[in-house]
Amino acid sequence: MNGTGAMSGLFALVSSSSVRLILRFGLMGVTTTLVYFVLTSAFVLSRMMTPVFSSVCAYVISVAVSYLMQSRFTFRVDGHSLEHVARFVVMSLAGLVVSWCVMALTVDLLHWPYLTGAIGVCVMIPVLSFFLMRGWVFGGRERTVAAGESE
């Protein structure tokens, strides 16, 4: 395969709707993480709240921000429904439980460094979230781009 053929093949891969969907998902995930971090820090540094309460408040706000960005920008859902919101909340709570279990397993039971568990969470949660959002949370007739249709 010559250089031109390889480049056109790479361009076709990057411009596929699935790759664009994954890139949008990742961008929104990074943005949500930054919102969480900035809010937690702002609440703690302003001495408005304790660190734990700051984290919980920032998490709740970041879940709402994440829903708005993932539904509108990533999965391009037309309108909001109570069903989508409820599924998103269930998925977010499940992610919280999974992250707690991974940390408890790695740190408390296996006595591994906490970074091992944190890295596991940072890999598992986005992958699980992507497939749950694509197939369950925003799955259905409202989905357009996520189903592979043109933008």
N, C-alpha and C. Protein backbone atom coordinates (compact mmCIF):
# COMPACT_ATOMS: atom_id res chain seq x y z
N MET A 1 0.85 -1.18 0.00
CA MET A 1 0.00 0.00 0.00
C MET A 1 0.89 1.23 0.00
N ASN A 2 0.63 2.15 -0.88
CA ASN A 2 1.45 3.36 -0.95
C ASN A 2 1.01 4.35 0.12
N GLY A 3 1.79 5.43 0.28
CA GLY A 3 1.51 6.42 1.31
C GLY A 3 0.15 7.08 1.16
N THR A 4 -0.25 7.34 -0.09
CA THR A 4 -1.54 7.98 -0.33
C THR A 4 -2.69 7.07 0.08
N GLY A 5 -2.56 5.79 -0.24
CA GLY A 5 -3.60 4.83 0.13
C GLY A 5 -3.72 4.67 1.63
N ALA A 6 -2.58 4.67 2.32
CA ALA A 6 -2.59 4.56 3.78
C ALA A 6 -3.24 5.78 4.41
N MET A 7 -2.92 6.96 3.88
CA MET A 7 -3.51 8.19 4.42
C MET A 7 -5.01 8.24 4.19
N SER A 8 -5.46 7.82 3.01
CA SER A 8 -6.90 7.86 2.75
C SER A 8 -7.62 6.84 3.62
N GLY A 9 -6.98 5.69 3.88
CA GLY A 9 -7.57 4.70 4.77
C GLY A 9 -7.67 5.21 6.19
N LEU A 10 -6.61 5.91 6.65
CA LEU A 10 -6.61 6.50 7.98
C LEU A 10 -7.67 7.60 8.08
N PHE A 11 -7.78 8.42 7.05
CA PHE A 11 -8.78 9.49 7.03
C PHE A 11 -10.20 8.90 7.09
N ALA A 12 -10.42 7.81 6.36
CA ALA A 12 -11.74 7.18 6.37
C ALA A 12 -12.07 6.65 7.76
N LEU A 13 -11.07 6.10 8.45
CA LEU A 13 -11.29 5.59 9.80
C LEU A 13 -11.63 6.73 10.75
N VAL A 14 -10.87 7.81 10.71
CA VAL A 14 -11.08 8.94 11.61
C VAL A 14 -12.39 9.65 11.31
N SER A 15 -12.81 9.64 10.07
CA SER A 15 -14.04 10.35 9.73
C SER A 15 -15.28 9.47 9.86
N SER A 16 -15.11 8.23 10.28
CA SER A 16 -16.28 7.37 10.44
C SER A 16 -17.13 7.88 11.60
N SER A 17 -18.41 7.64 11.54
CA SER A 17 -19.32 8.16 12.56
C SER A 17 -19.04 7.57 13.94
N SER A 18 -18.61 6.31 14.02
CA SER A 18 -18.31 5.71 15.32
C SER A 18 -17.12 6.37 15.99
N VAL A 19 -16.09 6.65 15.22
CA VAL A 19 -14.91 7.30 15.79
C VAL A 19 -15.26 8.72 16.23
N ARG A 20 -16.02 9.43 15.42
CA ARG A 20 -16.44 10.78 15.81
C ARG A 20 -17.28 10.74 17.08
N LEU A 21 -18.13 9.74 17.20
CA LEU A 21 -18.95 9.58 18.40
C LEU A 21 -18.06 9.35 19.62
N ILE A 22 -17.07 8.50 19.50
CA ILE A 22 -16.15 8.21 20.61
C ILE A 22 -15.35 9.46 20.97
N LEU A 23 -14.91 10.21 19.97
CA LEU A 23 -14.16 11.44 20.24
C LEU A 23 -15.03 12.47 20.96
N ARG A 24 -16.27 12.63 20.52
CA ARG A 24 -17.18 13.57 21.20
C ARG A 24 -17.44 13.11 22.64
N PHE A 25 -17.63 11.81 22.83
CA PHE A 25 -17.85 11.25 24.16
C PHE A 25 -16.65 11.56 25.06
N GLY A 26 -15.45 11.32 24.54
CA GLY A 26 -14.24 11.58 25.32
C GLY A 26 -14.07 13.05 25.67
N LEU A 27 -14.33 13.91 24.70
CA LEU A 27 -14.22 15.35 24.94
C LEU A 27 -15.20 15.80 26.03
N MET A 28 -16.41 15.29 25.99
CA MET A 28 -17.40 15.65 27.01
C MET A 28 -17.02 15.06 28.36
N GLY A 29 -16.44 13.88 28.35
CA GLY A 29 -15.99 13.27 29.61
C GLY A 29 -14.89 14.08 30.27
N VAL A 30 -13.93 14.53 29.47
CA VAL A 30 -12.85 15.38 29.99
C VAL A 30 -13.43 16.69 30.51
N THR A 31 -14.35 17.28 29.78
CA THR A 31 -14.97 18.53 30.20
C THR A 31 -15.72 18.35 31.52
N THR A 32 -16.47 17.26 31.64
CA THR A 32 -17.21 16.99 32.88
C THR A 32 -16.24 16.80 34.05
N THR A 33 -15.15 16.10 33.81
CA THR A 33 -14.15 15.89 34.86
C THR A 33 -13.57 17.22 35.31
N LEU A 34 -13.29 18.10 34.37
CA LEU A 34 -12.77 19.43 34.72
C LEU A 34 -13.79 20.24 35.51
N VAL A 35 -15.06 20.15 35.13
CA VAL A 35 -16.12 20.84 35.87
C VAL A 35 -16.14 20.34 37.31
N TYR A 36 -16.09 19.03 37.49
CA TYR A 36 -16.07 18.44 38.83
C TYR A 36 -14.87 18.95 39.63
N PHE A 37 -13.69 18.89 39.04
CA PHE A 37 -12.47 19.29 39.74
C PHE A 37 -12.49 20.77 40.12
N VAL A 38 -12.87 21.62 39.18
CA VAL A 38 -12.91 23.06 39.44
C VAL A 38 -13.94 23.39 40.52
N LEU A 39 -15.12 22.79 40.43
CA LEU A 39 -16.15 23.05 41.45
C LEU A 39 -15.73 22.56 42.82
N THR A 40 -15.18 21.35 42.89
CA THR A 40 -14.73 20.82 44.18
C THR A 40 -13.68 21.75 44.78
N SER A 41 -12.72 22.14 43.98
CA SER A 41 -11.66 23.03 44.46
C SER A 41 -12.23 24.38 44.90
N ALA A 42 -13.13 24.93 44.11
CA ALA A 42 -13.72 26.23 44.45
C ALA A 42 -14.49 26.16 45.76
N PHE A 43 -15.26 25.10 45.94
CA PHE A 43 -16.04 24.96 47.18
C PHE A 43 -15.11 24.81 48.39
N VAL A 44 -14.06 24.00 48.23
CA VAL A 44 -13.13 23.79 49.35
C VAL A 44 -12.34 25.06 49.65
N LEU A 45 -11.78 25.67 48.61
CA LEU A 45 -10.94 26.85 48.82
C LEU A 45 -11.71 28.05 49.33
N SER A 46 -12.99 28.14 49.00
CA SER A 46 -13.81 29.24 49.52
C SER A 46 -14.27 28.98 50.95
N ARG A 47 -13.97 27.78 51.42
CA ARG A 47 -14.36 27.35 52.78
C ARG A 47 -15.88 27.34 52.96
N MET A 48 -16.59 27.22 51.86
CA MET A 48 -18.06 27.13 51.92
C MET A 48 -18.50 25.78 52.49
N MET A 49 -17.72 24.74 52.19
CA MET A 49 -18.11 23.38 52.54
C MET A 49 -16.88 22.56 52.90
N THR A 50 -17.13 21.45 53.56
CA THR A 50 -16.04 20.50 53.83
C THR A 50 -15.63 19.84 52.52
N PRO A 51 -14.44 19.25 52.45
CA PRO A 51 -14.02 18.59 51.22
C PRO A 51 -14.97 17.48 50.76
N VAL A 52 -15.49 16.68 51.69
CA VAL A 52 -16.39 15.60 51.30
C VAL A 52 -17.69 16.16 50.74
N PHE A 53 -18.28 17.13 51.42
CA PHE A 53 -19.52 17.72 50.94
C PHE A 53 -19.28 18.47 49.63
N SER A 54 -18.13 19.12 49.50
CA SER A 54 -17.77 19.79 48.25
C SER A 54 -17.73 18.80 47.10
N SER A 55 -17.13 17.65 47.34
CA SER A 55 -17.02 16.62 46.31
C SER A 55 -18.39 16.10 45.91
N VAL A 56 -19.25 15.87 46.89
CA VAL A 56 -20.60 15.37 46.59
C VAL A 56 -21.39 16.40 45.78
N CYS A 57 -21.34 17.65 46.20
CA CYS A 57 -22.06 18.71 45.47
C CYS A 57 -21.52 18.85 44.05
N ALA A 58 -20.20 18.85 43.91
CA ALA A 58 -19.59 18.97 42.59
C ALA A 58 -19.96 17.77 41.73
N TYR A 59 -20.03 16.58 42.33
CA TYR A 59 -20.40 15.37 41.58
C TYR A 59 -21.82 15.50 41.04
N VAL A 60 -22.75 15.94 41.88
CA VAL A 60 -24.14 16.08 41.46
C VAL A 60 -24.25 17.10 40.32
N ILE A 61 -23.57 18.21 40.46
CA ILE A 61 -23.60 19.23 39.41
C ILE A 61 -22.96 18.69 38.13
N SER A 62 -21.86 17.97 38.26
CA SER A 62 -21.18 17.45 37.07
C SER A 62 -22.00 16.37 36.38
N VAL A 63 -22.80 15.62 37.12
CA VAL A 63 -23.69 14.64 36.48
C VAL A 63 -24.73 15.37 35.63
N ALA A 64 -25.27 16.47 36.14
CA ALA A 64 -26.24 17.25 35.36
C ALA A 64 -25.58 17.84 34.11
N VAL A 65 -24.38 18.37 34.27
CA VAL A 65 -23.65 18.93 33.12
C VAL A 65 -23.35 17.81 32.11
N SER A 66 -22.93 16.67 32.62
CA SER A 66 -22.62 15.54 31.75
C SER A 66 -23.84 15.09 30.96
N TYR A 67 -24.99 15.03 31.63
CA TYR A 67 -26.21 14.64 30.93
C TYR A 67 -26.50 15.59 29.77
N LEU A 68 -26.43 16.88 30.05
CA LEU A 68 -26.74 17.87 29.02
C LEU A 68 -25.77 17.75 27.85
N MET A 69 -24.48 17.63 28.14
CA MET A 69 -23.49 17.57 27.07
C MET A 69 -23.56 16.25 26.30
N GLN A 70 -23.69 15.13 27.02
CA GLN A 70 -23.73 13.84 26.34
C GLN A 70 -25.00 13.69 25.52
N SER A 71 -26.13 14.14 26.06
CA SER A 71 -27.38 13.99 25.31
C SER A 71 -27.42 14.90 24.08
N ARG A 72 -26.96 16.13 24.23
CA ARG A 72 -27.06 17.10 23.13
C ARG A 72 -25.91 17.00 22.14
N PHE A 73 -24.67 16.98 22.65
CA PHE A 73 -23.51 17.05 21.77
C PHE A 73 -23.06 15.67 21.30
N THR A 74 -22.95 14.72 22.22
CA THR A 74 -22.41 13.41 21.83
C THR A 74 -23.44 12.57 21.09
N PHE A 75 -24.58 12.32 21.72
CA PHE A 75 -25.57 11.41 21.15
C PHE A 75 -26.67 12.12 20.37
N ARG A 76 -26.67 13.44 20.43
CA ARG A 76 -27.58 14.27 19.65
C ARG A 76 -29.04 13.83 19.73
N VAL A 77 -29.49 13.69 20.96
CA VAL A 77 -30.87 13.30 21.23
C VAL A 77 -31.77 14.51 21.02
N ASP A 78 -32.89 14.30 20.36
CA ASP A 78 -33.86 15.37 20.15
C ASP A 78 -34.75 15.48 21.38
N GLY A 79 -34.58 16.54 22.14
CA GLY A 79 -35.40 16.76 23.32
C GLY A 79 -34.95 15.92 24.50
N HIS A 80 -35.53 16.22 25.64
CA HIS A 80 -35.22 15.48 26.87
C HIS A 80 -36.46 14.70 27.27
N SER A 81 -36.23 13.54 27.82
CA SER A 81 -37.35 12.78 28.34
C SER A 81 -37.01 12.34 29.75
N LEU A 82 -38.02 12.17 30.55
CA LEU A 82 -37.83 11.69 31.92
C LEU A 82 -37.16 10.32 31.90
N GLU A 83 -37.48 9.52 30.91
CA GLU A 83 -36.87 8.19 30.79
C GLU A 83 -35.36 8.30 30.58
N HIS A 84 -34.90 9.20 29.71
CA HIS A 84 -33.46 9.38 29.49
C HIS A 84 -32.77 9.86 30.76
N VAL A 85 -33.39 10.83 31.42
CA VAL A 85 -32.81 11.38 32.65
C VAL A 85 -32.72 10.28 33.70
N ALA A 86 -33.78 9.52 33.88
CA ALA A 86 -33.78 8.45 34.88
C ALA A 86 -32.72 7.40 34.57
N ARG A 87 -32.61 7.01 33.31
CA ARG A 87 -31.59 6.03 32.94
C ARG A 87 -30.18 6.58 33.16
N PHE A 88 -29.99 7.87 32.86
CA PHE A 88 -28.69 8.48 33.05
C PHE A 88 -28.33 8.50 34.53
N VAL A 89 -29.27 8.82 35.39
CA VAL A 89 -29.03 8.83 36.83
C VAL A 89 -28.71 7.43 37.33
N VAL A 90 -29.47 6.43 36.88
CA VAL A 90 -29.19 5.04 37.27
C VAL A 90 -27.79 4.64 36.82
N MET A 91 -27.44 4.98 35.58
CA MET A 91 -26.11 4.65 35.07
C MET A 91 -25.03 5.35 35.90
N SER A 92 -25.24 6.61 36.26
CA SER A 92 -24.27 7.35 37.05
C SER A 92 -24.10 6.75 38.44
N LEU A 93 -25.21 6.37 39.05
CA LEU A 93 -25.14 5.71 40.36
C LEU A 93 -24.46 4.35 40.27
N ALA A 94 -24.73 3.63 39.20
CA ALA A 94 -24.05 2.34 39.00
C ALA A 94 -22.55 2.55 38.83
N GLY A 95 -22.16 3.60 38.12
CA GLY A 95 -20.75 3.92 37.97
C GLY A 95 -20.10 4.25 39.30
N LEU A 96 -20.83 4.95 40.15
CA LEU A 96 -20.34 5.26 41.49
C LEU A 96 -20.13 3.99 42.29
N VAL A 97 -21.06 3.05 42.21
CA VAL A 97 -20.95 1.77 42.92
C VAL A 97 -19.77 0.96 42.37
N VAL A 98 -19.64 0.92 41.05
CA VAL A 98 -18.53 0.18 40.44
C VAL A 98 -17.20 0.78 40.88
N SER A 99 -17.09 2.10 40.88
CA SER A 99 -15.83 2.72 41.28
C SER A 99 -15.51 2.43 42.74
N TRP A 100 -16.53 2.45 43.60
CA TRP A 100 -16.32 2.11 45.00
C TRP A 100 -15.85 0.67 45.14
N CYS A 101 -16.50 -0.24 44.41
CA CYS A 101 -16.13 -1.66 44.49
C CYS A 101 -14.71 -1.91 43.99
N VAL A 102 -14.33 -1.26 42.90
CA VAL A 102 -12.98 -1.43 42.37
C VAL A 102 -11.95 -0.94 43.38
N MET A 103 -12.20 0.21 43.99
CA MET A 103 -11.26 0.73 44.99
C MET A 103 -11.22 -0.16 46.22
N ALA A 104 -12.37 -0.62 46.68
CA ALA A 104 -12.40 -1.49 47.85
C ALA A 104 -11.66 -2.80 47.57
N LEU A 105 -11.87 -3.35 46.39
CA LEU A 105 -11.19 -4.60 46.02
C LEU A 105 -9.68 -4.42 45.95
N THR A 106 -9.24 -3.39 45.23
CA THR A 106 -7.80 -3.22 45.05
C THR A 106 -7.08 -2.77 46.31
N VAL A 107 -7.68 -1.87 47.07
CA VAL A 107 -7.00 -1.31 48.24
C VAL A 107 -7.23 -2.15 49.49
N ASP A 108 -8.49 -2.45 49.80
CA ASP A 108 -8.81 -3.12 51.06
C ASP A 108 -8.57 -4.63 51.02
N LEU A 109 -8.95 -5.27 49.92
CA LEU A 109 -8.80 -6.73 49.86
C LEU A 109 -7.45 -7.18 49.32
N LEU A 110 -7.00 -6.56 48.24
CA LEU A 110 -5.74 -6.98 47.62
C LEU A 110 -4.53 -6.23 48.16
N HIS A 111 -4.77 -5.13 48.88
CA HIS A 111 -3.71 -4.31 49.46
C HIS A 111 -2.74 -3.78 48.41
N TRP A 112 -3.28 -3.45 47.25
CA TRP A 112 -2.50 -2.84 46.18
C TRP A 112 -2.51 -1.33 46.39
N PRO A 113 -1.60 -0.62 45.76
CA PRO A 113 -1.61 0.85 45.86
C PRO A 113 -2.92 1.42 45.30
N TYR A 114 -3.36 2.51 45.91
CA TYR A 114 -4.63 3.11 45.48
C TYR A 114 -4.61 3.52 44.01
N LEU A 115 -3.43 3.86 43.50
CA LEU A 115 -3.35 4.26 42.09
C LEU A 115 -3.78 3.13 41.15
N THR A 116 -3.55 1.90 41.54
CA THR A 116 -3.99 0.76 40.73
C THR A 116 -5.50 0.77 40.59
N GLY A 117 -6.19 0.96 41.70
CA GLY A 117 -7.64 1.04 41.66
C GLY A 117 -8.13 2.26 40.91
N ALA A 118 -7.47 3.40 41.13
CA ALA A 118 -7.87 4.64 40.46
C ALA A 118 -7.72 4.51 38.95
N ILE A 119 -6.63 3.91 38.51
CA ILE A 119 -6.44 3.71 37.08
C ILE A 119 -7.50 2.76 36.53
N GLY A 120 -7.79 1.71 37.29
CA GLY A 120 -8.85 0.78 36.87
C GLY A 120 -10.19 1.48 36.71
N VAL A 121 -10.51 2.34 37.66
CA VAL A 121 -11.76 3.11 37.59
C VAL A 121 -11.75 4.04 36.38
N CYS A 122 -10.62 4.69 36.15
CA CYS A 122 -10.52 5.64 35.03
C CYS A 122 -10.63 4.96 33.68
N VAL A 123 -10.38 3.66 33.63
CA VAL A 123 -10.54 2.91 32.38
C VAL A 123 -11.93 2.30 32.29
N MET A 124 -12.36 1.65 33.37
CA MET A 124 -13.63 0.92 33.35
C MET A 124 -14.85 1.81 33.21
N ILE A 125 -14.92 2.87 33.98
CA ILE A 125 -16.13 3.70 34.01
C ILE A 125 -16.42 4.35 32.66
N PRO A 126 -15.45 4.97 32.01
CA PRO A 126 -15.77 5.54 30.69
C PRO A 126 -16.21 4.49 29.67
N VAL A 127 -15.56 3.33 29.67
CA VAL A 127 -15.93 2.28 28.70
C VAL A 127 -17.35 1.80 28.98
N LEU A 128 -17.64 1.48 30.24
CA LEU A 128 -19.00 1.04 30.60
C LEU A 128 -20.03 2.13 30.29
N SER A 129 -19.70 3.37 30.64
CA SER A 129 -20.62 4.48 30.41
C SER A 129 -20.92 4.66 28.93
N PHE A 130 -19.89 4.58 28.10
CA PHE A 130 -20.10 4.75 26.66
C PHE A 130 -21.10 3.73 26.13
N PHE A 131 -20.87 2.46 26.46
CA PHE A 131 -21.75 1.42 25.93
C PHE A 131 -23.15 1.49 26.54
N LEU A 132 -23.25 1.85 27.82
CA LEU A 132 -24.57 2.01 28.42
C LEU A 132 -25.32 3.20 27.82
N MET A 133 -24.62 4.31 27.60
CA MET A 133 -25.29 5.47 27.00
C MET A 133 -25.72 5.17 25.57
N ARG A 134 -24.85 4.53 24.84
CA ARG A 134 -25.15 4.26 23.43
C ARG A 134 -26.28 3.24 23.28
N GLY A 135 -26.27 2.21 24.11
CA GLY A 135 -27.23 1.14 23.94
C GLY A 135 -28.48 1.23 24.80
N TRP A 136 -28.40 1.92 25.96
CA TRP A 136 -29.53 1.91 26.87
C TRP A 136 -30.05 3.31 27.21
N VAL A 137 -29.17 4.17 27.68
CA VAL A 137 -29.62 5.49 28.14
C VAL A 137 -30.24 6.29 27.00
N PHE A 138 -29.50 6.43 25.90
CA PHE A 138 -29.97 7.22 24.77
C PHE A 138 -30.36 6.34 23.59
N GLY A 139 -30.44 5.05 23.79
CA GLY A 139 -30.83 4.14 22.72
C GLY A 139 -32.29 4.34 22.37
N GLY A 140 -32.63 4.16 21.13
CA GLY A 140 -34.02 4.29 20.73
C GLY A 140 -34.17 5.14 19.49
N ARG A 141 -35.39 5.49 19.21
CA ARG A 141 -35.69 6.19 17.96
C ARG A 141 -35.18 7.62 17.93
N GLU A 142 -34.92 8.24 19.12
CA GLU A 142 -34.43 9.62 19.12
C GLU A 142 -32.98 9.72 18.68
N ARG A 143 -32.25 8.64 18.79
CA ARG A 143 -30.84 8.64 18.45
C ARG A 143 -30.66 8.85 16.96
N THR A 144 -29.70 9.69 16.58
CA THR A 144 -29.43 9.88 15.16
C THR A 144 -27.98 9.56 14.87
N VAL A 145 -27.08 10.40 15.32
CA VAL A 145 -25.66 10.22 15.04
C VAL A 145 -25.15 8.93 15.67
N ALA A 146 -25.60 8.61 16.88
CA ALA A 146 -25.12 7.42 17.56
C ALA A 146 -25.50 6.15 16.80
N ALA A 147 -26.55 6.21 16.03
CA ALA A 147 -26.97 5.04 15.26
C ALA A 147 -26.19 4.93 13.96
N GLY A 148 -25.31 5.87 13.73
CA GLY A 148 -24.49 5.81 12.52
C GLY A 148 -25.05 6.58 11.36
N GLU A 149 -26.14 7.32 11.56
CA GLU A 149 -26.70 8.10 10.48
C GLU A 149 -25.85 9.35 10.28
N SER A 150 -26.03 10.00 9.20
CA SER A 150 -25.20 11.18 8.90
C SER A 150 -25.52 12.31 9.86
N GLU A 151 -24.50 13.19 10.01
CA GLU A 151 -24.68 14.35 10.89
C GLU A 151 -25.41 15.38 10.17
